C-alpha atoms as a PDB file:
ATOM      1  CA  UNK A   1      -0.824  -4.080  16.864  1.00  0.00           C
ATOM      2  CA  UNK A   2       0.390  -2.926  13.564  1.00  0.00           C
ATOM      3  CA  UNK A   3       0.145   1.293  12.654  1.00  0.00           C
ATOM      4  CA  UNK A   4      -1.470   0.515   8.287  1.00  0.00           C
ATOM      5  CA  UNK A   5      -1.383   3.231   6.448  1.00  0.00           C
ATOM      6  CA  UNK A   6      -3.364   2.486   2.572  1.00  0.00           C
ATOM      7  CA  UNK A   7      -2.868   3.793  -0.411  1.00  0.00           C
ATOM      8  CA  UNK A   8      -5.419   3.958  -2.868  1.00  0.00           C
ATOM      9  CA  UNK A   9      -7.444   5.907  -5.328  1.00  0.00           C
ATOM     10  CA  UNK A  10     -10.075   4.480  -4.669  1.00  0.00           C
ATOM     11  CA  UNK A  11     -11.969   6.083  -1.506  1.00  0.00           C
ATOM     12  CA  UNK A  12     -14.712   3.299  -0.770  1.00  0.00           C
ATOM     13  CA  UNK A  13     -12.502   0.293  -1.580  1.00  0.00           C
ATOM     14  CA  UNK A  14      -9.709   2.031   1.340  1.00  0.00           C
ATOM     15  CA  UNK A  15     -11.733   2.586   3.747  1.00  0.00           C
ATOM     16  CA  UNK A  16     -13.303  -1.069   3.647  1.00  0.00           C
ATOM     17  CA  UNK A  17      -9.887  -2.479   3.440  1.00  0.00           C
ATOM     18  CA  UNK A  18      -9.269   0.174   6.739  1.00  0.00           C
ATOM     19  CA  UNK A  19     -12.615  -0.898   9.088  1.00  0.00           C
ATOM     20  CA  UNK A  20     -11.036  -4.633   8.280  1.00  0.00           C
ATOM     21  CA  UNK A  21      -7.745  -3.796   9.615  1.00  0.00           C
ATOM     22  CA  UNK A  22      -9.171  -2.113  12.695  1.00  0.00           C
ATOM     23  CA  UNK A  23     -11.490  -4.483  13.027  1.00  0.00           C
ATOM     24  CA  UNK A  24      -8.574  -6.630  13.626  1.00  0.00           C
ATOM     25  CA  UNK A  25      -7.346  -3.877  15.960  1.00  0.00           C
ATOM     26  CA  UNK A  26      -4.488  -2.358  14.338  1.00  0.00           C
ATOM     27  CA  UNK A  27      -4.162   1.664  13.730  1.00  0.00           C
ATOM     28  CA  UNK A  28      -5.082   1.943   9.986  1.00  0.00           C
ATOM     29  CA  UNK A  29      -5.425   5.256   8.093  1.00  0.00           C
ATOM     30  CA  UNK A  30      -5.606   6.379   4.468  1.00  0.00           C
ATOM     31  CA  UNK A  31      -4.990   8.484   1.919  1.00  0.00           C
ATOM     32  CA  UNK A  32      -5.148   8.746  -1.456  1.00  0.00           C
ATOM     33  CA  UNK A  33      -1.994   9.353  -3.339  1.00  0.00           C
ATOM     34  CA  UNK A  34       1.096   7.760  -3.434  1.00  0.00           C
ATOM     35  CA  UNK A  35       2.473  12.265  -2.742  1.00  0.00           C
ATOM     36  CA  UNK A  36       0.421  11.823   0.336  1.00  0.00           C
ATOM     37  CA  UNK A  37       1.240   8.039   1.174  1.00  0.00           C
ATOM     38  CA  UNK A  38       5.178   9.980   0.662  1.00  0.00           C
ATOM     39  CA  UNK A  39       4.658  12.291   3.305  1.00  0.00           C
ATOM     40  CA  UNK A  40       2.388  10.030   5.455  1.00  0.00           C
ATOM     41  CA  UNK A  41       5.002   7.987   5.848  1.00  0.00           C
ATOM     42  CA  UNK A  42       7.809  10.138   6.217  1.00  0.00           C
ATOM     43  CA  UNK A  43       6.050  12.695   9.343  1.00  0.00           C
ATOM     44  CA  UNK A  44       5.275   8.604  10.874  1.00  0.00           C
ATOM     45  CA  UNK A  45       6.392   5.559   9.464  1.00  0.00           C
ATOM     46  CA  UNK A  46       3.911   2.838   9.831  1.00  0.00           C
ATOM     47  CA  UNK A  47       4.805  -0.489   9.796  1.00  0.00           C
ATOM     48  CA  UNK A  48       2.912  -1.389   6.852  1.00  0.00           C
ATOM     49  CA  UNK A  49       2.027  -0.382   3.762  1.00  0.00           C
ATOM     50  CA  UNK A  50      -0.521  -1.152   1.226  1.00  0.00           C
ATOM     51  CA  UNK A  51      -0.311  -0.025  -1.762  1.00  0.00           C
ATOM     52  CA  UNK A  52      -2.234   0.624  -5.286  1.00  0.00           C
ATOM     53  CA  UNK A  53      -1.096  -0.245  -7.522  1.00  0.00           C
ATOM     54  CA  UNK A  54      -2.527   1.759 -10.180  1.00  0.00           C
ATOM     55  CA  UNK A  55      -3.263   5.318  -9.494  1.00  0.00           C
ATOM     56  CA  UNK A  56      -3.530   9.142 -11.342  1.00  0.00           C
ATOM     57  CA  UNK A  57      -0.570  11.081 -10.717  1.00  0.00           C
ATOM     58  CA  UNK A  58       2.704   9.161  -9.562  1.00  0.00           C
ATOM     59  CA  UNK A  59       1.456   5.219  -9.960  1.00  0.00           C
ATOM     60  CA  UNK A  60       2.304   2.949  -6.500  1.00  0.00           C
ATOM     61  CA  UNK A  61       5.336   0.868  -8.564  1.00  0.00           C
ATOM     62  CA  UNK A  62       6.935   4.793  -9.204  1.00  0.00           C
ATOM     63  CA  UNK A  63       6.312   4.906  -5.372  1.00  0.00           C
ATOM     64  CA  UNK A  64       7.306   1.277  -3.750  1.00  0.00           C
ATOM     65  CA  UNK A  65      10.833   2.255  -6.064  1.00  0.00           C
ATOM     66  CA  UNK A  66      11.822   5.993  -4.509  1.00  0.00           C
ATOM     67  CA  UNK A  67      11.069   4.418  -1.162  1.00  0.00           C
ATOM     68  CA  UNK A  68      13.451   1.670  -1.913  1.00  0.00           C
ATOM     69  CA  UNK A  69      16.247   4.302  -2.980  1.00  0.00           C
ATOM     70  CA  UNK A  70      14.845   6.369   0.525  1.00  0.00           C
ATOM     71  CA  UNK A  71      17.625   6.059   3.085  1.00  0.00           C
ATOM     72  CA  UNK A  72      14.256   7.092   5.183  1.00  0.00           C
ATOM     73  CA  UNK A  73      11.835   4.473   4.581  1.00  0.00           C
ATOM     74  CA  UNK A  74      13.902   1.496   2.351  1.00  0.00           C
ATOM     75  CA  UNK A  75      13.501  -1.332   4.497  1.00  0.00           C
ATOM     76  CA  UNK A  76       9.476  -0.362   4.873  1.00  0.00           C
ATOM     77  CA  UNK A  77       7.694  -3.862   4.294  1.00  0.00           C
ATOM     78  CA  UNK A  78       4.931  -2.652   1.390  1.00  0.00           C
ATOM     79  CA  UNK A  79       1.819  -5.115   0.087  1.00  0.00           C
ATOM     80  CA  UNK A  80       0.892  -3.863  -3.448  1.00  0.00           C
ATOM     81  CA  UNK A  81      -2.838  -3.682  -3.062  1.00  0.00           C
ATOM     82  CA  UNK A  82      -4.414  -3.979  -6.762  1.00  0.00           C
ATOM     83  CA  UNK A  83      -7.167  -4.774  -9.247  1.00  0.00           C
ATOM     84  CA  UNK A  84      -4.492  -5.615 -11.506  1.00  0.00           C
ATOM     85  CA  UNK A  85      -4.276  -9.067 -10.711  1.00  0.00           C
ATOM     86  CA  UNK A  86      -1.718 -10.349 -13.794  1.00  0.00           C
ATOM     87  CA  UNK A  87       1.118 -12.938 -12.785  1.00  0.00           C
ATOM     88  CA  UNK A  88       3.658 -10.316 -15.446  1.00  0.00           C
ATOM     89  CA  UNK A  89       1.338  -7.179 -12.557  1.00  0.00           C
ATOM     90  CA  UNK A  90       2.301  -9.371  -9.250  1.00  0.00           C
ATOM     91  CA  UNK A  91       6.114 -10.144 -10.851  1.00  0.00           C
ATOM     92  CA  UNK A  92       6.620  -6.416 -11.566  1.00  0.00           C
ATOM     93  CA  UNK A  93       5.727  -5.637  -8.054  1.00  0.00           C
ATOM     94  CA  UNK A  94       7.451  -7.983  -6.476  1.00  0.00           C
ATOM     95  CA  UNK A  95      10.670  -7.154  -8.670  1.00  0.00           C
ATOM     96  CA  UNK A  96      10.815  -3.230  -7.359  1.00  0.00           C
ATOM     97  CA  UNK A  97      10.278  -4.648  -3.863  1.00  0.00           C
ATOM     98  CA  UNK A  98       7.143  -5.809  -2.565  1.00  0.00           C
ATOM     99  CA  UNK A  99       6.870  -8.029   0.278  1.00  0.00           C
ATOM    100  CA  UNK A 100       3.404  -9.556  -1.387  1.00  0.00           C
ATOM    101  CA  UNK A 101       1.146  -8.752  -3.452  1.00  0.00           C
ATOM    102  CA  UNK A 102      -3.008  -8.990  -2.761  1.00  0.00           C
ATOM    103  CA  UNK A 103      -5.185  -8.543  -5.213  1.00  0.00           C
ATOM    104  CA  UNK A 104      -9.070  -6.361  -5.462  1.00  0.00           C
ATOM    105  CA  UNK A 105     -12.000  -7.591  -4.507  1.00  0.00           C
ATOM    106  CA  UNK A 106     -10.065  -9.065  -1.897  1.00  0.00           C
ATOM    107  CA  UNK A 107     -11.795 -10.985   1.339  1.00  0.00           C
ATOM    108  CA  UNK A 108     -12.270  -9.971   4.630  1.00  0.00           C
ATOM    109  CA  UNK A 109     -12.035 -13.323   6.292  1.00  0.00           C
ATOM    110  CA  UNK A 110      -8.181 -13.524   4.923  1.00  0.00           C
END
């Protein structure tokens, strides 16, 4: 069982993804902003962060860069979880330090 944090400003998508992960046996929670994700990750480090690339306020990419510079979180596995699906968006996420890139809409059977 992994502890997974989802950061996505679309509450419906975050809730659906959370339910899929909980049904798969993981502990999962979600927040709707990069700042809330940062606070949660510092308080109780998740095993994985699913991070929306484009959020209002601080973007997911900016948060990812902040995580990679953090002494506490630099090695936190991050999967970008976004509606952006161009190869340039994926390359930008991987270059910023994401381990993988998952496009929305997603297939729960994945």
